[in-house]
Amino acid sequence: MTLPELDRALRQLRLSGMADAVEARLRHAQAERLAPLDLVAMLVTDELVRRQDRLLTRRRTQARLRDADKTLDTFDFDFNKKLNQACAAPPQRPPAPVGCGAILA
């Protein structure tokens, strides 16, 4: 199978992340003499990352947030002294401290 045929087949299977990365990954695998399983693992990882990125982008678009580019990292907690910053921790951080039942302390 040639690269254009492989690209077409991957896109037909809706694996566009793999299709976009296959040529570069093949060159890398040949240069590093990677095992076939390692090459497949890299391609699958590329596809998963692309799907996660597209899902996040789609969810942000559907949410229609007024300031979609703002995050808690850039939030100015100084404007309201009553706002407890520890209670506004994002989900990937440890749970909020005990006693943070309400955001306003």
Foldseek 3Di string as FASTA:
>chain_A
DDLVVVLVVCVVVVQNQLSVCVVVLVVVCVVVVPDPVVSVVVSVVSSVVVVVVVVVVVVLVVVPDPCSPDDLVPDDPVVDPQFDSQCPDDPVDPHRDPPPPDRGD
